[in-house]
Protein backbone atom coordinates (compact mmCIF):
# COMPACT_ATOMS: atom_id res chain seq x y z
CA UNK A 1 -15.89 10.88 -14.29
CA UNK A 2 -17.36 11.81 -10.92
CA UNK A 3 -13.99 12.74 -9.39
CA UNK A 4 -14.19 15.88 -7.27
CA UNK A 5 -10.45 16.55 -7.40
CA UNK A 6 -8.31 18.75 -9.56
CA UNK A 7 -4.78 20.05 -9.49
CA UNK A 8 -1.98 18.90 -7.26
CA UNK A 9 -2.65 17.07 -3.99
CA UNK A 10 -1.72 19.41 -1.11
CA UNK A 11 1.64 18.55 0.46
CA UNK A 12 0.01 17.86 3.84
CA UNK A 13 -2.09 15.11 2.20
CA UNK A 14 0.69 13.46 0.18
CA UNK A 15 2.58 10.25 0.89
CA UNK A 16 6.31 10.31 1.50
CA UNK A 17 8.57 8.62 -1.02
CA UNK A 18 7.87 4.91 -0.94
CA UNK A 19 9.69 1.64 -1.51
CA UNK A 20 8.98 -1.52 -3.45
CA UNK A 21 10.70 -4.90 -3.17
CA UNK A 22 10.96 -5.27 -6.97
CA UNK A 23 9.48 -4.38 -10.31
CA UNK A 24 8.00 -7.38 -12.06
CA UNK A 25 10.54 -6.86 -14.86
CA UNK A 26 13.53 -7.00 -12.47
CA UNK A 27 15.96 -9.85 -12.09
CA UNK A 28 16.24 -11.25 -8.59
CA UNK A 29 12.90 -10.84 -6.81
CA UNK A 30 11.12 -9.97 -10.09
CA UNK A 31 10.94 -13.63 -11.12
CA UNK A 32 9.34 -15.03 -7.96
CA UNK A 33 6.97 -12.05 -7.82
CA UNK A 34 5.96 -12.51 -11.48
CA UNK A 35 5.07 -16.12 -10.67
CA UNK A 36 3.19 -15.08 -7.54
CA UNK A 37 1.07 -12.46 -9.32
CA UNK A 38 0.64 -14.41 -12.57
CA UNK A 39 -1.23 -17.32 -11.04
CA UNK A 40 -4.92 -16.60 -10.57
CA UNK A 41 -6.15 -17.21 -7.06
CA UNK A 42 -2.61 -17.41 -5.68
CA UNK A 43 -3.48 -15.81 -2.37
CA UNK A 44 -0.72 -16.80 -0.01
CA UNK A 45 0.84 -15.77 3.28
CA UNK A 46 4.11 -13.82 3.13
CA UNK A 47 6.77 -15.55 5.22
CA UNK A 48 10.41 -16.56 5.09
CA UNK A 49 12.76 -14.98 2.55
CA UNK A 50 10.09 -12.71 1.05
CA UNK A 51 9.24 -11.20 4.45
CA UNK A 52 12.93 -10.92 5.36
CA UNK A 53 13.65 -9.07 2.09
CA UNK A 54 10.94 -6.52 2.93
CA UNK A 55 12.28 -6.12 6.45
CA UNK A 56 15.75 -5.52 4.98
CA UNK A 57 14.30 -2.72 2.81
CA UNK A 58 12.82 -1.13 5.93
CA UNK A 59 16.08 -1.42 7.87
CA UNK A 60 17.93 0.44 5.07
CA UNK A 61 15.24 3.13 4.65
CA UNK A 62 16.50 6.54 5.75
CA UNK A 63 13.17 7.97 6.92
CA UNK A 64 12.89 11.23 8.83
CA UNK A 65 10.94 9.53 11.63
CA UNK A 66 10.31 5.86 12.32
CA UNK A 67 6.76 4.64 11.64
CA UNK A 68 4.54 4.40 14.69
CA UNK A 69 2.05 1.93 13.21
CA UNK A 70 1.29 -0.23 10.16
CA UNK A 71 -1.84 -0.12 7.99
CA UNK A 72 -2.52 -1.91 4.74
CA UNK A 73 -4.54 -1.67 1.56
CA UNK A 74 -7.26 -4.35 1.51
CA UNK A 75 -7.31 -6.66 -1.51
CA UNK A 76 -10.30 -8.56 -2.85
CA UNK A 77 -8.16 -10.81 -5.08
CA UNK A 78 -5.36 -11.63 -2.59
CA UNK A 79 -6.57 -10.70 0.92
CA UNK A 80 -3.97 -12.80 2.76
CA UNK A 81 -0.97 -11.45 0.84
CA UNK A 82 -1.01 -7.80 1.96
CA UNK A 83 -2.48 -8.61 5.37
CA UNK A 84 0.22 -11.17 6.19
CA UNK A 85 2.97 -8.82 4.97
CA UNK A 86 1.62 -6.06 7.20
CA UNK A 87 1.34 -8.47 10.16
CA UNK A 88 4.87 -9.76 9.63
CA UNK A 89 6.37 -6.28 9.39
CA UNK A 90 4.39 -4.99 12.38
CA UNK A 91 5.55 -7.97 14.43
CA UNK A 92 9.19 -7.64 13.40
CA UNK A 93 9.18 -3.89 14.09
CA UNK A 94 7.11 -4.18 17.27
CA UNK A 95 4.60 -1.75 15.80
CA UNK A 96 0.83 -1.67 16.28
CA UNK A 97 -1.07 -3.15 13.35
CA UNK A 98 -3.93 -0.78 12.58
CA UNK A 99 -5.47 -3.13 10.04
CA UNK A 100 -6.84 -2.46 6.56
CA UNK A 101 -8.41 0.74 5.35
CA UNK A 102 -12.16 0.31 4.95
CA UNK A 103 -13.65 -0.26 1.51
CA UNK A 104 -16.32 2.30 0.65
CA UNK A 105 -19.06 1.73 -1.95
CA UNK A 106 -17.70 -1.76 -2.60
CA UNK A 107 -14.09 -0.61 -2.95
CA UNK A 108 -12.21 0.09 -6.17
CA UNK A 109 -14.11 -0.73 -9.33
CA UNK A 110 -11.25 -2.85 -10.61
CA UNK A 111 -11.39 -1.50 -14.14
CA UNK A 112 -7.95 -1.94 -15.73
CA UNK A 113 -6.20 0.48 -18.03
CA UNK A 114 -7.24 3.90 -19.18
CA UNK A 115 -5.52 7.18 -18.65
CA UNK A 116 -4.62 8.59 -15.25
CA UNK A 117 -8.00 10.28 -14.75
CA UNK A 118 -9.86 7.00 -15.36
CA UNK A 119 -7.54 5.12 -13.01
CA UNK A 120 -8.08 7.73 -10.30
CA UNK A 121 -11.85 7.54 -10.78
CA UNK A 122 -11.67 3.79 -10.05
CA UNK A 123 -10.22 4.35 -6.54
CA UNK A 124 -11.11 7.89 -5.40
CA UNK A 125 -13.71 7.84 -2.62
CA UNK A 126 -13.43 4.05 -2.30
CA UNK A 127 -11.22 3.88 0.85
CA UNK A 128 -11.55 5.30 4.35
CA UNK A 129 -9.28 5.40 7.39
CA UNK A 130 -12.06 6.66 9.67
CA UNK A 131 -12.32 3.42 11.67
CA UNK A 132 -8.56 3.13 12.28
CA UNK A 133 -6.85 4.55 15.37
CA UNK A 134 -4.28 6.64 13.54
CA UNK A 135 -1.30 7.86 15.58
CA UNK A 136 -0.15 11.43 15.10
CA UNK A 137 3.20 10.15 13.81
CA UNK A 138 4.18 8.35 10.59
CA UNK A 139 2.25 5.31 9.38
CA UNK A 140 3.74 2.56 7.21
CA UNK A 141 1.23 1.72 4.44
CA UNK A 142 1.54 -1.76 2.91
CA UNK A 143 0.17 -2.94 -0.44
CA UNK A 144 0.88 -6.10 -2.37
CA UNK A 145 1.06 -4.61 -5.87
CA UNK A 146 1.40 -1.10 -7.31
CA UNK A 147 0.34 -0.40 -10.88
CA UNK A 148 -0.62 3.21 -11.52
CA UNK A 149 0.12 4.38 -7.96
CA UNK A 150 -3.35 5.86 -7.49
CA UNK A 151 -4.44 3.33 -4.86
CA UNK A 152 -1.44 4.16 -2.66
CA UNK A 153 -1.94 7.88 -3.30
CA UNK A 154 -5.63 7.80 -2.33
CA UNK A 155 -5.02 5.58 0.73
CA UNK A 156 -2.11 7.75 1.89
CA UNK A 157 -4.32 10.81 1.56
CA UNK A 158 -6.99 9.16 3.72
CA UNK A 159 -4.41 8.33 6.40
CA UNK A 160 -3.04 11.87 6.34
CA UNK A 161 -6.55 13.33 6.62
CA UNK A 162 -7.17 10.99 9.59
CA UNK A 163 -4.15 12.39 11.44
CA UNK A 164 -0.96 10.63 10.33
CA UNK A 165 1.96 13.07 10.14
CA UNK A 166 3.43 11.07 7.26
CA UNK A 167 2.62 7.96 5.24
CA UNK A 168 5.46 5.68 4.16
CA UNK A 169 4.31 3.39 1.31
CA UNK A 170 5.81 -0.09 0.86
CA UNK A 171 4.72 -2.65 -1.75
CA UNK A 172 5.91 -6.10 -2.74
CA UNK A 173 5.80 -5.49 -6.48
CA UNK A 174 5.36 -2.80 -9.08
CA UNK A 175 4.47 -3.17 -12.73
CA UNK A 176 7.39 -2.34 -14.97
């Protein structure tokens, strides 16, 4: 598959335990998020109650050390969604916004499904944090949607390799 990885990701390259606003199958936020992600081309800016709900998650998060900056996973299908969530959270927390990770070789291939190895092969080597000014402390990593978890895993690894002491993943929605 062209993936030059095997075994467990070393602890010093792993993300910390993350948070998600809701699973798409949940009651509460699951309904509005299902509608948001179901409509093709529904790229929107995160504001109001949705942003406040994410900020509430952060305020209740018992992290070992507060994030020192915010980065986000770029999206080709909904570029405003993750970017505006990251901007809103960075502003509310008075944190520097590092911006998106860079897409390498066109970014993820976007192939759905398959087993874990195929899903990893779609994202491995497709992101870089080399152009971001990574602090030596924790970085909050924002994504709009988590499916297999490989995108967050690969992006967190890139941030750790670039110098972040920890990566704290946060997403709006998760399949399930």
